[in-house]
């Protein structure tokens, strides 16, 4: 019982500390379009056939381009 009385508050405190100090805007890392990225031998059976199943237009670049998708506001809560 002592361990629950110590561990739970420590985890709660550390979780608060970590998430309160997180920066709102993370620096965008430079996207390097290596030639082995986004190799497609056949199209995906969903969407436009080029984007993966768990594609987030706010975080993922459009394959094979070096840009983010325009108008990706609907996925803002999924980040």
PDB file of N, CA and C in Angstrom:
ATOM      1  N   UNK A   1       0.812  -1.200   0.000  1.00  0.00           N
ATOM      2  CA  UNK A   1       0.000   0.000   0.000  1.00  0.00           C
ATOM      3  C   UNK A   1       0.852   1.260   0.000  1.00  0.00           C
ATOM      4  N   UNK A   2       2.011   1.175   0.618  1.00  0.00           N
ATOM      5  CA  UNK A   2       2.889   2.338   0.648  1.00  0.00           C
ATOM      6  C   UNK A   2       3.356   2.663  -0.768  1.00  0.00           C
ATOM      7  N   UNK A   3       3.577   1.630  -1.558  1.00  0.00           N
ATOM      8  CA  UNK A   3       4.046   1.881  -2.922  1.00  0.00           C
ATOM      9  C   UNK A   3       2.998   2.636  -3.738  1.00  0.00           C
ATOM     10  N   UNK A   4       1.717   2.331  -3.563  1.00  0.00           N
ATOM     11  CA  UNK A   4       0.673   3.065  -4.271  1.00  0.00           C
ATOM     12  C   UNK A   4       0.599   4.506  -3.792  1.00  0.00           C
ATOM     13  N   UNK A   5       0.835   4.714  -2.506  1.00  0.00           N
ATOM     14  CA  UNK A   5       0.805   6.069  -1.964  1.00  0.00           C
ATOM     15  C   UNK A   5       1.972   6.914  -2.431  1.00  0.00           C
ATOM     16  N   UNK A   6       3.035   6.282  -2.865  1.00  0.00           N
ATOM     17  CA  UNK A   6       4.210   7.011  -3.333  1.00  0.00           C
ATOM     18  C   UNK A   6       4.249   7.059  -4.858  1.00  0.00           C
ATOM     19  N   UNK A   7       3.992   5.942  -5.494  1.00  0.00           N
ATOM     20  CA  UNK A   7       4.148   5.842  -6.943  1.00  0.00           C
ATOM     21  C   UNK A   7       3.103   6.673  -7.692  1.00  0.00           C
ATOM     22  N   UNK A   8       1.856   6.604  -7.284  1.00  0.00           N
ATOM     23  CA  UNK A   8       0.797   7.322  -7.999  1.00  0.00           C
ATOM     24  C   UNK A   8       1.023   8.838  -7.960  1.00  0.00           C
ATOM     25  N   UNK A   9       1.317   9.453  -6.794  1.00  0.00           N
ATOM     26  CA  UNK A   9       1.595  10.899  -6.816  1.00  0.00           C
ATOM     27  C   UNK A   9       2.856  11.265  -7.604  1.00  0.00           C
ATOM     28  N   UNK A  10       3.875  10.415  -7.563  1.00  0.00           N
ATOM     29  CA  UNK A  10       5.097  10.696  -8.321  1.00  0.00           C
ATOM     30  C   UNK A  10       4.805  10.658  -9.817  1.00  0.00           C
ATOM     31  N   UNK A  11       4.062   9.669 -10.271  1.00  0.00           N
ATOM     32  CA  UNK A  11       3.706   9.579 -11.692  1.00  0.00           C
ATOM     33  C   UNK A  11       2.839  10.764 -12.101  1.00  0.00           C
ATOM     34  N   UNK A  12       1.880  11.137 -11.252  1.00  0.00           N
ATOM     35  CA  UNK A  12       1.028  12.284 -11.565  1.00  0.00           C
ATOM     36  C   UNK A  12       1.847  13.572 -11.624  1.00  0.00           C
ATOM     37  N   UNK A  13       2.751  13.752 -10.690  1.00  0.00           N
ATOM     38  CA  UNK A  13       3.584  14.952 -10.678  1.00  0.00           C
ATOM     39  C   UNK A  13       4.513  15.027 -11.868  1.00  0.00           C
ATOM     40  N   UNK A  14       5.146  13.922 -12.204  1.00  0.00           N
ATOM     41  CA  UNK A  14       6.040  13.903 -13.361  1.00  0.00           C
ATOM     42  C   UNK A  14       5.273  14.104 -14.668  1.00  0.00           C
ATOM     43  N   UNK A  15       4.083  13.530 -14.756  1.00  0.00           N
ATOM     44  CA  UNK A  15       3.265  13.723 -15.958  1.00  0.00           C
ATOM     45  C   UNK A  15       2.899  15.188 -16.122  1.00  0.00           C
ATOM     46  N   UNK A  16       2.517  15.839 -15.034  1.00  0.00           N
ATOM     47  CA  UNK A  16       2.194  17.265 -15.092  1.00  0.00           C
ATOM     48  C   UNK A  16       3.421  18.071 -15.498  1.00  0.00           C
ATOM     49  N   UNK A  17       4.565  17.759 -14.924  1.00  0.00           N
ATOM     50  CA  UNK A  17       5.803  18.478 -15.230  1.00  0.00           C
ATOM     51  C   UNK A  17       6.189  18.332 -16.700  1.00  0.00           C
ATOM     52  N   UNK A  18       6.096  17.127 -17.216  1.00  0.00           N
ATOM     53  CA  UNK A  18       6.486  16.877 -18.603  1.00  0.00           C
ATOM     54  C   UNK A  18       5.546  17.584 -19.568  1.00  0.00           C
ATOM     55  N   UNK A  19       4.232  17.465 -19.347  1.00  0.00           N
ATOM     56  CA  UNK A  19       3.288  18.041 -20.292  1.00  0.00           C
ATOM     57  C   UNK A  19       3.131  19.542 -20.137  1.00  0.00           C
ATOM     58  N   UNK A  20       3.453  20.114 -18.984  1.00  0.00           N
ATOM     59  CA  UNK A  20       3.360  21.563 -18.827  1.00  0.00           C
ATOM     60  C   UNK A  20       4.558  22.264 -19.454  1.00  0.00           C
ATOM     61  N   UNK A  21       5.687  21.589 -19.577  1.00  0.00           N
ATOM     62  CA  UNK A  21       6.882  22.191 -20.149  1.00  0.00           C
ATOM     63  C   UNK A  21       7.033  21.922 -21.638  1.00  0.00           C
ATOM     64  N   UNK A  22       6.081  21.232 -22.222  1.00  0.00           N
ATOM     65  CA  UNK A  22       6.166  20.929 -23.647  1.00  0.00           C
ATOM     66  C   UNK A  22       5.900  22.192 -24.453  1.00  0.00           C
ATOM     67  N   UNK A  23       6.728  22.434 -25.444  1.00  0.00           N
ATOM     68  CA  UNK A  23       6.548  23.602 -26.295  1.00  0.00           C
ATOM     69  C   UNK A  23       5.314  23.418 -27.166  1.00  0.00           C
ATOM     70  N   UNK A  24       4.622  24.523 -27.401  1.00  0.00           N
ATOM     71  CA  UNK A  24       3.423  24.463 -28.230  1.00  0.00           C
ATOM     72  C   UNK A  24       3.770  24.152 -29.681  1.00  0.00           C
ATOM     73  N   UNK A  25       4.745  24.824 -30.199  1.00  0.00           N
ATOM     74  CA  UNK A  25       5.158  24.602 -31.580  1.00  0.00           C
ATOM     75  C   UNK A  25       6.510  23.914 -31.582  1.00  0.00           C
ATOM     76  N   UNK A  26       6.554  22.728 -32.105  1.00  0.00           N
ATOM     77  CA  UNK A  26       7.814  22.020 -32.221  1.00  0.00           C
ATOM     78  C   UNK A  26       8.496  22.439 -33.518  1.00  0.00           C
ATOM     79  N   UNK A  27       9.802  22.494 -33.489  1.00  0.00           N
ATOM     80  CA  UNK A  27      10.542  22.867 -34.686  1.00  0.00           C
ATOM     81  C   UNK A  27      10.345  21.814 -35.769  1.00  0.00           C
ATOM     82  N   UNK A  28      10.108  22.303 -36.975  1.00  0.00           N
ATOM     83  CA  UNK A  28       9.949  21.383 -38.098  1.00  0.00           C
ATOM     84  C   UNK A  28      11.324  20.902 -38.535  1.00  0.00           C
ATOM     85  N   UNK A  29      11.472  19.610 -38.576  1.00  0.00           N
ATOM     86  CA  UNK A  29      12.744  19.071 -39.031  1.00  0.00           C
ATOM     87  C   UNK A  29      12.787  19.105 -40.553  1.00  0.00           C
ATOM     88  N   UNK A  30      13.956  19.249 -41.074  1.00  0.00           N
ATOM     89  CA  UNK A  30      14.109  19.310 -42.527  1.00  0.00           C
ATOM     90  C   UNK A  30      13.816  17.941 -43.129  1.00  0.00           C
ATOM     91  N   UNK A  31      12.936  17.925 -44.092  1.00  0.00           N
ATOM     92  CA  UNK A  31      12.564  16.696 -44.772  1.00  0.00           C
ATOM     93  C   UNK A  31      13.574  16.421 -45.870  1.00  0.00           C
ATOM     94  N   UNK A  32      14.207  15.272 -45.814  1.00  0.00           N
ATOM     95  CA  UNK A  32      15.174  14.871 -46.831  1.00  0.00           C
ATOM     96  C   UNK A  32      14.533  13.768 -47.665  1.00  0.00           C
ATOM     97  N   UNK A  33      14.215  14.043 -48.929  1.00  0.00           N
ATOM     98  CA  UNK A  33      13.546  13.033 -49.758  1.00  0.00           C
ATOM     99  C   UNK A  33      14.527  11.985 -50.284  1.00  0.00           C
ATOM    100  N   UNK A  34      14.854  11.030 -49.433  1.00  0.00           N
ATOM    101  CA  UNK A  34      15.731   9.949 -49.871  1.00  0.00           C
ATOM    102  C   UNK A  34      15.032   9.133 -50.960  1.00  0.00           C
ATOM    103  N   UNK A  35      15.808   8.559 -51.853  1.00  0.00           N
ATOM    104  CA  UNK A  35      15.219   7.846 -52.986  1.00  0.00           C
ATOM    105  C   UNK A  35      14.533   6.550 -52.575  1.00  0.00           C
ATOM    106  N   UNK A  36      14.853   6.006 -51.396  1.00  0.00           N
ATOM    107  CA  UNK A  36      14.215   4.765 -50.963  1.00  0.00           C
ATOM    108  C   UNK A  36      12.922   5.014 -50.190  1.00  0.00           C
ATOM    109  N   UNK A  37      12.581   6.267 -49.912  1.00  0.00           N
ATOM    110  CA  UNK A  37      11.321   6.573 -49.242  1.00  0.00           C
ATOM    111  C   UNK A  37      10.179   6.565 -50.247  1.00  0.00           C
ATOM    112  N   UNK A  38       9.011   6.146 -49.797  1.00  0.00           N
ATOM    113  CA  UNK A  38       7.785   6.179 -50.598  1.00  0.00           C
ATOM    114  C   UNK A  38       7.884   5.391 -51.891  1.00  0.00           C
ATOM    115  N   UNK A  39       8.540   4.255 -51.857  1.00  0.00           N
ATOM    116  CA  UNK A  39       8.571   3.379 -53.022  1.00  0.00           C
ATOM    117  C   UNK A  39       7.234   2.648 -53.087  1.00  0.00           C
ATOM    118  N   UNK A  40       6.542   2.780 -54.181  1.00  0.00           N
ATOM    119  CA  UNK A  40       5.235   2.148 -54.343  1.00  0.00           C
ATOM    120  C   UNK A  40       5.300   1.177 -55.517  1.00  0.00           C
ATOM    121  N   UNK A  41       5.067  -0.102 -55.237  1.00  0.00           N
ATOM    122  CA  UNK A  41       4.996  -1.069 -56.328  1.00  0.00           C
ATOM    123  C   UNK A  41       3.569  -1.216 -56.828  1.00  0.00           C
ATOM    124  N   UNK A  42       2.607  -0.907 -55.954  1.00  0.00           N
ATOM    125  CA  UNK A  42       1.208  -0.856 -56.363  1.00  0.00           C
ATOM    126  C   UNK A  42       0.491   0.150 -55.462  1.00  0.00           C
ATOM    127  N   UNK A  43      -0.642   0.631 -55.908  1.00  0.00           N
ATOM    128  CA  UNK A  43      -1.369   1.670 -55.180  1.00  0.00           C
ATOM    129  C   UNK A  43      -2.051   1.092 -53.947  1.00  0.00           C
ATOM    130  N   UNK A  44      -2.191   1.934 -52.906  1.00  0.00           N
ATOM    131  CA  UNK A  44      -2.946   1.528 -51.723  1.00  0.00           C
ATOM    132  C   UNK A  44      -4.422   1.421 -52.088  1.00  0.00           C
ATOM    133  N   UNK A  45      -5.180   0.511 -51.458  1.00  0.00           N
ATOM    134  CA  UNK A  45      -6.591   0.343 -51.819  1.00  0.00           C
ATOM    135  C   UNK A  45      -7.516   1.392 -51.201  1.00  0.00           C
ATOM    136  N   UNK A  46      -6.998   2.455 -50.581  1.00  0.00           N
ATOM    137  CA  UNK A  46      -7.835   3.489 -49.975  1.00  0.00           C
ATOM    138  C   UNK A  46      -7.359   4.859 -50.449  1.00  0.00           C
ATOM    139  N   UNK A  47      -8.241   5.829 -50.339  1.00  0.00           N
ATOM    140  CA  UNK A  47      -7.892   7.211 -50.660  1.00  0.00           C
ATOM    141  C   UNK A  47      -7.421   7.386 -52.085  1.00  0.00           C
ATOM    142  N   UNK A  48      -6.373   8.181 -52.236  1.00  0.00           N
ATOM    143  CA  UNK A  48      -5.838   8.437 -53.571  1.00  0.00           C
ATOM    144  C   UNK A  48      -4.835   7.384 -54.005  1.00  0.00           C
ATOM    145  N   UNK A  49      -4.534   6.421 -53.134  1.00  0.00           N
ATOM    146  CA  UNK A  49      -3.617   5.348 -53.476  1.00  0.00           C
ATOM    147  C   UNK A  49      -2.165   5.662 -53.202  1.00  0.00           C
ATOM    148  N   UNK A  50      -1.868   6.886 -52.763  1.00  0.00           N
ATOM    149  CA  UNK A  50      -0.491   7.278 -52.530  1.00  0.00           C
ATOM    150  C   UNK A  50      -0.205   7.557 -51.055  1.00  0.00           C
ATOM    151  N   UNK A  51      -1.227   7.897 -50.284  1.00  0.00           N
ATOM    152  CA  UNK A  51      -1.022   8.208 -48.872  1.00  0.00           C
ATOM    153  C   UNK A  51      -1.276   6.970 -48.018  1.00  0.00           C
ATOM    154  N   UNK A  52      -0.519   6.798 -46.924  1.00  0.00           N
ATOM    155  CA  UNK A  52      -0.705   5.632 -46.064  1.00  0.00           C
ATOM    156  C   UNK A  52      -2.030   5.681 -45.309  1.00  0.00           C
ATOM    157  N   UNK A  53      -2.385   4.594 -44.668  1.00  0.00           N
ATOM    158  CA  UNK A  53      -3.665   4.497 -43.977  1.00  0.00           C
ATOM    159  C   UNK A  53      -3.755   5.492 -42.828  1.00  0.00           C
ATOM    160  N   UNK A  54      -2.714   5.626 -42.034  1.00  0.00           N
ATOM    161  CA  UNK A  54      -2.725   6.544 -40.896  1.00  0.00           C
ATOM    162  C   UNK A  54      -2.003   7.839 -41.259  1.00  0.00           C
ATOM    163  N   UNK A  55      -2.446   8.480 -42.314  1.00  0.00           N
ATOM    164  CA  UNK A  55      -1.829   9.701 -42.824  1.00  0.00           C
ATOM    165  C   UNK A  55      -2.417  10.914 -42.117  1.00  0.00           C
ATOM    166  N   UNK A  56      -1.568  11.798 -41.615  1.00  0.00           N
ATOM    167  CA  UNK A  56      -1.999  13.020 -40.958  1.00  0.00           C
ATOM    168  C   UNK A  56      -1.466  14.198 -41.771  1.00  0.00           C
ATOM    169  N   UNK A  57      -2.337  14.986 -42.406  1.00  0.00           N
ATOM    170  CA  UNK A  57      -1.862  16.069 -43.267  1.00  0.00           C
ATOM    171  C   UNK A  57      -1.138  17.178 -42.517  1.00  0.00           C
ATOM    172  N   UNK A  58      -1.294  17.277 -41.187  1.00  0.00           N
ATOM    173  CA  UNK A  58      -0.591  18.297 -40.415  1.00  0.00           C
ATOM    174  C   UNK A  58       0.827  17.870 -40.070  1.00  0.00           C
ATOM    175  N   UNK A  59       1.104  16.586 -40.005  1.00  0.00           N
ATOM    176  CA  UNK A  59       2.410  16.099 -39.566  1.00  0.00           C
ATOM    177  C   UNK A  59       3.216  15.403 -40.652  1.00  0.00           C
ATOM    178  N   UNK A  60       2.546  14.800 -41.617  1.00  0.00           N
ATOM    179  CA  UNK A  60       3.242  14.034 -42.648  1.00  0.00           C
ATOM    180  C   UNK A  60       3.343  14.837 -43.934  1.00  0.00           C
ATOM    181  N   UNK A  61       4.455  14.702 -44.604  1.00  0.00           N
ATOM    182  CA  UNK A  61       4.633  15.338 -45.908  1.00  0.00           C
ATOM    183  C   UNK A  61       3.856  14.547 -46.953  1.00  0.00           C
ATOM    184  N   UNK A  62       3.488  15.225 -48.029  1.00  0.00           N
ATOM    185  CA  UNK A  62       2.800  14.546 -49.117  1.00  0.00           C
ATOM    186  C   UNK A  62       3.839  13.753 -49.901  1.00  0.00           C
ATOM    187  N   UNK A  63       3.688  12.441 -49.993  1.00  0.00           N
ATOM    188  CA  UNK A  63       4.674  11.678 -50.755  1.00  0.00           C
ATOM    189  C   UNK A  63       4.478  11.924 -52.241  1.00  0.00           C
ATOM    190  N   UNK A  64       5.468  12.086 -53.003  1.00  0.00           N
ATOM    191  CA  UNK A  64       6.896  12.209 -52.715  1.00  0.00           C
ATOM    192  C   UNK A  64       7.347  13.651 -52.610  1.00  0.00           C
ATOM    193  N   UNK A  65       6.453  14.585 -52.358  1.00  0.00           N
ATOM    194  CA  UNK A  65       6.782  16.004 -52.376  1.00  0.00           C
ATOM    195  C   UNK A  65       7.354  16.463 -51.042  1.00  0.00           C
ATOM    196  N   UNK A  66       7.935  17.644 -51.047  1.00  0.00           N
ATOM    197  CA  UNK A  66       8.559  18.218 -49.860  1.00  0.00           C
ATOM    198  C   UNK A  66       7.680  19.336 -49.288  1.00  0.00           C
ATOM    199  N   UNK A  67       6.405  19.045 -49.087  1.00  0.00           N
ATOM    200  CA  UNK A  67       5.493  20.056 -48.569  1.00  0.00           C
ATOM    201  C   UNK A  67       4.378  19.385 -47.777  1.00  0.00           C
ATOM    202  N   UNK A  68       3.711  20.183 -46.966  1.00  0.00           N
ATOM    203  CA  UNK A  68       2.552  19.704 -46.240  1.00  0.00           C
ATOM    204  C   UNK A  68       1.309  19.959 -47.070  1.00  0.00           C
ATOM    205  N   UNK A  69       0.270  19.191 -46.796  1.00  0.00           N
ATOM    206  CA  UNK A  69      -0.980  19.346 -47.521  1.00  0.00           C
ATOM    207  C   UNK A  69      -1.667  20.627 -47.079  1.00  0.00           C
ATOM    208  N   UNK A  70      -2.254  21.349 -48.005  1.00  0.00           N
ATOM    209  CA  UNK A  70      -2.973  22.581 -47.685  1.00  0.00           C
ATOM    210  C   UNK A  70      -4.340  22.236 -47.124  1.00  0.00           C
ATOM    211  N   UNK A  71      -4.818  23.043 -46.172  1.00  0.00           N
ATOM    212  CA  UNK A  71      -6.154  22.851 -45.619  1.00  0.00           C
ATOM    213  C   UNK A  71      -6.274  21.635 -44.744  1.00  0.00           C
ATOM    214  N   UNK A  72      -5.258  21.314 -43.972  1.00  0.00           N
ATOM    215  CA  UNK A  72      -5.298  20.158 -43.092  1.00  0.00           C
ATOM    216  C   UNK A  72      -5.795  20.488 -41.704  1.00  0.00           C
ATOM    217  N   UNK A  73      -6.702  21.476 -41.570  1.00  0.00           N
ATOM    218  CA  UNK A  73      -7.168  21.913 -40.257  1.00  0.00           C
ATOM    219  C   UNK A  73      -8.048  20.883 -39.569  1.00  0.00           C
ATOM    220  N   UNK A  74      -8.705  20.020 -40.323  1.00  0.00           N
ATOM    221  CA  UNK A  74      -9.595  19.043 -39.705  1.00  0.00           C
ATOM    222  C   UNK A  74      -8.843  17.999 -38.904  1.00  0.00           C
ATOM    223  N   UNK A  75      -7.561  17.840 -39.138  1.00  0.00           N
ATOM    224  CA  UNK A  75      -6.766  16.847 -38.409  1.00  0.00           C
ATOM    225  C   UNK A  75      -6.005  17.474 -37.251  1.00  0.00           C
ATOM    226  N   UNK A  76      -6.344  18.705 -36.869  1.00  0.00           N
ATOM    227  CA  UNK A  76      -5.609  19.416 -35.832  1.00  0.00           C
ATOM    228  C   UNK A  76      -5.715  18.717 -34.485  1.00  0.00           C
ATOM    229  N   UNK A  77      -6.863  18.135 -34.165  1.00  0.00           N
ATOM    230  CA  UNK A  77      -7.047  17.475 -32.879  1.00  0.00           C
ATOM    231  C   UNK A  77      -6.354  16.127 -32.805  1.00  0.00           C
ATOM    232  N   UNK A  78      -5.974  15.542 -33.939  1.00  0.00           N
ATOM    233  CA  UNK A  78      -5.355  14.224 -33.953  1.00  0.00           C
ATOM    234  C   UNK A  78      -3.865  14.257 -33.658  1.00  0.00           C
ATOM    235  N   UNK A  79      -3.270  15.434 -33.596  1.00  0.00           N
ATOM    236  CA  UNK A  79      -1.820  15.556 -33.409  1.00  0.00           C
ATOM    237  C   UNK A  79      -1.385  15.120 -32.035  1.00  0.00           C
TER     238      UNK A  79
END
